[in-house]
Each structure stands twice: as C-alpha cells, then as structure tokens.
Protein backbone atom coordinates (compact mmCIF):
# COMPACT_ATOMS: atom_id res chain seq x y z
CA UNK A 1 -35.67 103.70 60.67
CA UNK A 2 -32.33 104.87 61.44
CA UNK A 3 -29.48 103.81 59.03
CA UNK A 4 -27.10 100.74 60.30
CA UNK A 5 -23.90 101.55 61.56
CA UNK A 6 -20.97 101.56 58.87
CA UNK A 7 -19.31 97.66 59.29
CA UNK A 8 -16.59 96.78 61.30
CA UNK A 9 -13.61 94.50 62.19
CA UNK A 10 -11.77 92.04 60.98
CA UNK A 11 -11.46 89.36 58.58
CA UNK A 12 -9.57 86.15 58.65
CA UNK A 13 -9.23 85.50 55.39
CA UNK A 14 -7.43 82.76 53.98
CA UNK A 15 -6.07 84.09 50.83
CA UNK A 16 -5.94 81.67 47.77
CA UNK A 17 -3.13 81.10 45.31
CA UNK A 18 -3.37 83.24 42.35
CA UNK A 19 -4.51 87.04 43.05
CA UNK A 20 -2.69 89.58 45.26
CA UNK A 21 -3.35 90.68 48.65
CA UNK A 22 -4.75 94.25 46.87
CA UNK A 23 -7.18 91.81 44.65
CA UNK A 24 -8.16 89.88 47.68
CA UNK A 25 -9.36 93.15 49.55
CA UNK A 26 -10.90 94.71 46.17
CA UNK A 27 -12.74 91.19 46.08
CA UNK A 28 -14.38 91.30 49.43
CA UNK A 29 -14.50 95.54 48.64
CA UNK A 30 -17.86 95.12 46.32
CA UNK A 31 -19.64 93.20 49.08
CA UNK A 32 -19.84 96.16 52.04
CA UNK A 33 -21.17 98.99 51.42
CA UNK A 34 -20.25 101.85 49.10
CA UNK A 35 -17.75 104.23 51.12
CA UNK A 36 -16.27 101.08 53.47
CA UNK A 37 -12.86 101.84 54.27
CA UNK A 38 -10.91 98.39 53.85
CA UNK A 39 -7.54 97.46 54.12
CA UNK A 40 -5.29 94.23 55.18
CA UNK A 41 -2.22 94.27 57.52
CA UNK A 42 0.83 91.95 55.71
CA UNK A 43 0.60 91.50 51.88
CA UNK A 44 0.81 88.13 50.94
CA UNK A 45 2.68 86.96 47.08
CA UNK A 46 0.57 86.15 44.72
CA UNK A 47 1.96 82.53 44.50
CA UNK A 48 1.01 82.39 48.81
CA UNK A 49 -2.03 81.16 50.90
CA UNK A 50 -3.30 81.41 54.14
CA UNK A 51 -4.07 84.24 56.55
CA UNK A 52 -4.85 88.05 55.78
CA UNK A 53 -6.00 90.32 57.87
CA UNK A 54 -8.88 92.16 56.39
CA UNK A 55 -9.63 95.17 58.53
CA UNK A 56 -13.05 97.23 57.63
CA UNK A 57 -13.93 100.45 58.91
CA UNK A 58 -12.43 101.47 61.91
CA UNK A 59 -10.78 98.69 62.32
CA UNK A 60 -8.01 100.34 59.35
CA UNK A 61 -6.65 102.12 62.29
CA UNK A 62 -5.16 99.18 64.02
CA UNK A 63 -2.57 97.93 60.92
CA UNK A 64 0.34 98.78 62.78
CA UNK A 65 -0.48 96.85 65.53
CA UNK A 66 -1.53 93.61 63.77
CA UNK A 67 1.81 94.10 61.15
CA UNK A 68 3.42 93.79 64.43
CA UNK A 69 2.28 90.63 65.39
CA UNK A 70 4.11 87.84 65.22
CA UNK A 71 4.06 85.31 62.51
CA UNK A 72 3.85 81.86 61.47
CA UNK A 73 4.72 80.32 57.56
CA UNK A 74 4.98 76.53 56.66
CA UNK A 75 7.05 76.66 53.10
CA UNK A 76 7.94 74.18 50.45
CA UNK A 77 11.35 74.60 49.34
CA UNK A 78 13.26 72.94 46.06
CA UNK A 79 17.58 72.25 46.68
CA UNK A 80 19.65 71.92 43.42
CA UNK A 81 17.87 75.17 41.72
CA UNK A 82 17.57 79.02 41.23
CA UNK A 83 15.18 81.33 40.47
CA UNK A 84 15.22 84.98 39.50
CA UNK A 85 12.34 85.75 41.99
CA UNK A 86 13.80 83.06 44.85
CA UNK A 87 9.92 81.93 44.22
CA UNK A 88 8.22 79.72 41.30
CA UNK A 89 6.92 83.14 39.73
CA UNK A 90 9.84 82.39 37.28
CA UNK A 91 12.06 79.81 35.61
CA UNK A 92 14.36 77.34 37.30
CA UNK A 93 17.44 77.54 36.87
CA UNK A 94 19.89 73.33 37.34
CA UNK A 95 22.40 74.72 39.67
CA UNK A 96 25.28 72.65 37.85
CA UNK A 97 26.73 69.61 39.69
CA UNK A 98 24.75 70.28 42.87
CA UNK A 99 25.33 67.90 45.90
CA UNK A 100 23.06 66.61 47.41
CA UNK A 101 23.35 67.51 51.69
CA UNK A 102 21.94 65.18 54.23
CA UNK A 103 19.23 65.94 56.60
CA UNK A 104 22.24 67.00 59.27
CA UNK A 105 23.14 69.62 57.09
CA UNK A 106 20.21 71.48 56.37
CA UNK A 107 19.11 70.73 59.93
CA UNK A 108 22.42 72.63 61.11
CA UNK A 109 21.99 75.34 58.11
CA UNK A 110 18.23 76.12 59.31
CA UNK A 111 19.50 77.20 63.23
CA UNK A 112 22.09 79.74 61.48
CA UNK A 113 19.07 81.76 60.76
CA UNK A 114 17.22 81.28 63.51
CA UNK A 115 17.76 85.12 66.20
CA UNK A 116 17.88 88.13 64.59
CA UNK A 117 19.68 88.31 61.56
CA UNK A 118 20.60 90.65 59.00
CA UNK A 119 18.52 89.60 55.66
CA UNK A 120 19.19 90.82 52.09
CA UNK A 121 15.94 91.10 50.13
CA UNK A 122 14.93 89.41 47.10
CA UNK A 123 15.13 92.23 44.29
CA UNK A 124 11.98 91.63 43.15
CA UNK A 125 10.80 93.15 46.01
CA UNK A 126 8.71 96.18 47.16
CA UNK A 127 11.62 97.48 49.01
CA UNK A 128 11.87 101.24 47.67
CA UNK A 129 15.18 102.52 45.61
CA UNK A 130 15.42 106.19 45.12
CA UNK A 131 11.42 106.23 45.13
CA UNK A 132 10.67 102.80 42.38
CA UNK A 133 9.65 99.85 43.32
CA UNK A 134 12.59 97.19 43.21
CA UNK A 135 10.32 94.98 41.20
CA UNK A 136 9.64 97.17 38.81
CA UNK A 137 12.85 97.94 38.49
CA UNK A 138 15.11 94.94 38.30
CA UNK A 139 11.93 93.81 35.57
CA UNK A 140 13.16 96.57 33.70
CA UNK A 141 16.45 94.65 33.47
CA UNK A 142 17.71 97.24 35.80
CA UNK A 143 20.40 96.21 38.72
CA UNK A 144 19.06 96.23 42.44
CA UNK A 145 21.23 96.64 45.12
CA UNK A 146 19.16 95.98 49.03
CA UNK A 147 21.24 96.79 51.17
CA UNK A 148 21.07 93.57 54.38
CA UNK A 149 18.13 94.24 57.24
CA UNK A 150 17.47 92.90 60.64
CA UNK A 151 14.48 90.81 61.15
CA UNK A 152 13.71 88.24 63.66
CA UNK A 153 13.04 84.95 63.78
CA UNK A 154 12.26 83.08 66.39
CA UNK A 155 12.37 79.29 65.68
CA UNK A 156 12.08 76.90 62.58
CA UNK A 157 11.84 73.89 62.30
CA UNK A 158 12.29 70.95 59.61
CA UNK A 159 8.98 69.67 58.50
CA UNK A 160 10.35 66.90 56.06
CA UNK A 161 13.33 66.50 53.73
CA UNK A 162 13.73 64.41 50.65
CA UNK A 163 16.46 65.36 48.58
CA UNK A 164 16.08 67.87 47.02
CA UNK A 165 12.51 69.48 48.34
CA UNK A 166 11.25 69.97 52.21
CA UNK A 167 8.58 71.45 54.23
CA UNK A 168 9.92 73.96 56.80
CA UNK A 169 7.47 75.81 59.94
CA UNK A 170 8.86 78.86 60.47
CA UNK A 171 8.14 81.58 63.33
CA UNK A 172 9.06 85.37 63.05
CA UNK A 173 8.68 89.21 62.94
CA UNK A 174 7.63 91.74 60.88
CA UNK A 175 9.44 92.18 57.35
CA UNK A 176 10.62 88.72 57.56
CA UNK A 177 11.07 87.31 53.57
CA UNK A 178 10.60 83.75 53.43
CA UNK A 179 11.80 83.85 50.14
CA UNK A 180 14.91 85.39 51.03
CA UNK A 181 15.55 82.34 53.60
CA UNK A 182 15.44 79.33 51.02
CA UNK A 183 18.40 81.54 48.58
CA UNK A 184 20.02 82.10 51.91
CA UNK A 185 20.00 78.69 52.28
CA UNK A 186 20.64 77.21 49.41
CA UNK A 187 23.77 79.49 49.52
CA UNK A 188 24.77 78.36 52.31
CA UNK A 189 24.68 74.47 50.80
CA UNK A 190 26.34 75.22 47.62
CA UNK A 191 23.36 74.22 45.86
CA UNK A 192 21.01 77.08 45.58
CA UNK A 193 17.85 77.50 46.66
CA UNK A 194 14.16 78.89 46.41
CA UNK A 195 10.73 78.96 47.53
CA UNK A 196 8.28 76.72 45.69
CA UNK A 197 4.83 77.39 48.14
CA UNK A 198 4.45 79.13 51.37
CA UNK A 199 1.18 78.79 53.77
CA UNK A 200 0.37 81.94 56.52
CA UNK A 201 -1.25 79.93 59.22
CA UNK A 202 -1.16 82.52 62.10
CA UNK A 203 -0.75 86.40 62.55
CA UNK A 204 -0.26 86.45 66.53
CA UNK A 205 -3.74 84.78 67.66
CA UNK A 206 -4.91 84.67 64.11
CA UNK A 207 -5.09 81.16 63.06
CA UNK A 208 -6.03 79.85 59.55
CA UNK A 209 -7.88 77.22 61.18
CA UNK A 210 -10.45 79.84 62.21
CA UNK A 211 -10.23 81.65 58.77
CA UNK A 212 -13.09 82.39 56.51
CA UNK A 213 -12.23 82.05 51.71
CA UNK A 214 -14.22 84.18 48.82
CA UNK A 215 -15.92 81.71 48.28
CA UNK A 216 -17.69 81.92 51.90
CA UNK A 217 -18.73 85.67 51.39
CA UNK A 218 -21.28 87.05 50.04
CA UNK A 219 -23.07 90.82 50.75
CA UNK A 220 -25.38 89.18 53.55
CA UNK A 221 -22.64 86.38 54.60
CA UNK A 222 -19.57 89.85 55.94
CA UNK A 223 -20.95 90.64 59.48
CA UNK A 224 -20.96 86.95 61.12
CA UNK A 225 -16.95 86.53 59.98
CA UNK A 226 -16.35 89.97 61.39
CA UNK A 227 -14.37 89.89 64.11
CA UNK A 228 -14.97 92.40 67.01
CA UNK A 229 -11.17 94.94 66.73
CA UNK A 230 -11.87 94.26 70.82
CA UNK A 231 -10.57 91.08 69.66
CA UNK A 232 -6.85 92.32 69.21
CA UNK A 233 -6.40 92.57 72.57
CA UNK A 234 -8.68 90.29 74.68
CA UNK A 235 -7.62 86.34 74.61
CA UNK A 236 -9.88 83.92 73.55
CA UNK A 237 -12.77 86.05 71.73
CA UNK A 238 -10.97 85.71 68.01
CA UNK A 239 -11.57 81.56 68.64
CA UNK A 240 -15.46 81.76 69.70
CA UNK A 241 -16.34 84.62 66.93
CA UNK A 242 -14.92 82.60 64.34
CA UNK A 243 -16.20 79.30 65.53
CA UNK A 244 -19.74 81.07 65.22
CA UNK A 245 -19.42 82.02 62.26
CA UNK A 246 -18.68 78.84 61.24
CA UNK A 247 -21.44 77.28 63.05
C-alpha cells in the first residue's frame, strides 16, 4: 500500500482573540503528520480576530504572493484616550479636555488616510531597529524611533459613530497598521485615539464567511478544509471548496 501524499493546501482560519498567529499555527501543526511544513500569510495581533491564511506543505511557497493580496478589516476605535501600544493591550490614558468631534469632522479626517500615505509604524511592532524587534526595545523602556513608510489605503468607510466610539471598514494593502490609523486619527482630531478591536474580514478572495475555527479542526477533519494551491489564482474555487467543507 502506497503512503498517502503529504497534505498540501490553504486553510482559511478564523483566528480567535487571545492567541498569537504563531500559536494558531502551532495548534494546527499538531494535527498534521509529523514533518509537515506549515506557516501563515500575514500576522494578526493576539487581540485581533478573523482571516488568517494557514499554508500547508508546498503552499508555503505562495506566502509572498498571498501577503501581497489586498486586505479588508473592520475596526473599533475609541477617541478621547490613548494607549502606549495603540490598542487595548496596555492601560488607557484619558486625554484631558478632549472635545467631542461631530460625524462630519470624523468622516473628513478619515478621508485624509485614503490613498498612498506615509505611516509611522507603532513603536510596539515587529519592525526591526538595529536588528532587534521594536516591541522588545519599547518594553525595556528604550526610545524607539521608526521612520514613516508609504502604505496604500484603498478606502475607509465609517460604519457607526457615537462619541467616543466608532467603527470603520478599511480596504488596504500590505504593511498597513490599523493601530496607526487609529492613533493618527486621534492626533488629527486633537482627541487622541486607539484601536479597541480588529477583525480581518478578507485577504484577496479569501473571506471570513468561508473560514474555519480551531474548534472545527481535528486530525480527521483538516483535509476537507484544505483549499488547493490553485485556488490562489482560480476564481470561484475558494467559495466552492469552503462551502463543501461547511456542508
């Protein structure tokens, strides 16, 4: 009897909050035959949820191509306060005398972040400074200075706004920090601001509605959720395979 071919393909995972992307990869790796290669295309912060593409076997070779696909996020922001990490993972500092901005002002400010923009990465990020991760230096109290870089934001839609909270949908390219948009929006409004929640809803044609949870995966159930590598370039294959796995 010939041995089974090694698993190969892509899993659209709905990463839960509270674990790192690397931890999610580790959990799924234990369900695969020993020695199987596995990685992911595009890190999500531990507090964030949503689409995380797990690449298995030869699919790991498609990492760079997949990371270049456009992404969509839904984000919750809070104005009138800041945090050191620009997200909910550090204590909130209320901005003294912050004046509530009306909806028209917020919408106008958001438009300034659409297009090819210069964005300064958060100091608590994985960017490297002198060969070390910026977050490692920041956690040790070192001054971290990160140069702005150009990122692409294709669109921002204000979904809901009730001071000091707002929800937005963002379509953007590779390397865009949604935390930085929250921070910079707060700065532009003179109120301060930070990201309170984040869900990645799409990477290219890979959408959240076709994603699988960690609880749905087991040693016997990984196979049905594996999308073929060809799904990277063939329209319709992603939705079709995802639906079959859900049936």
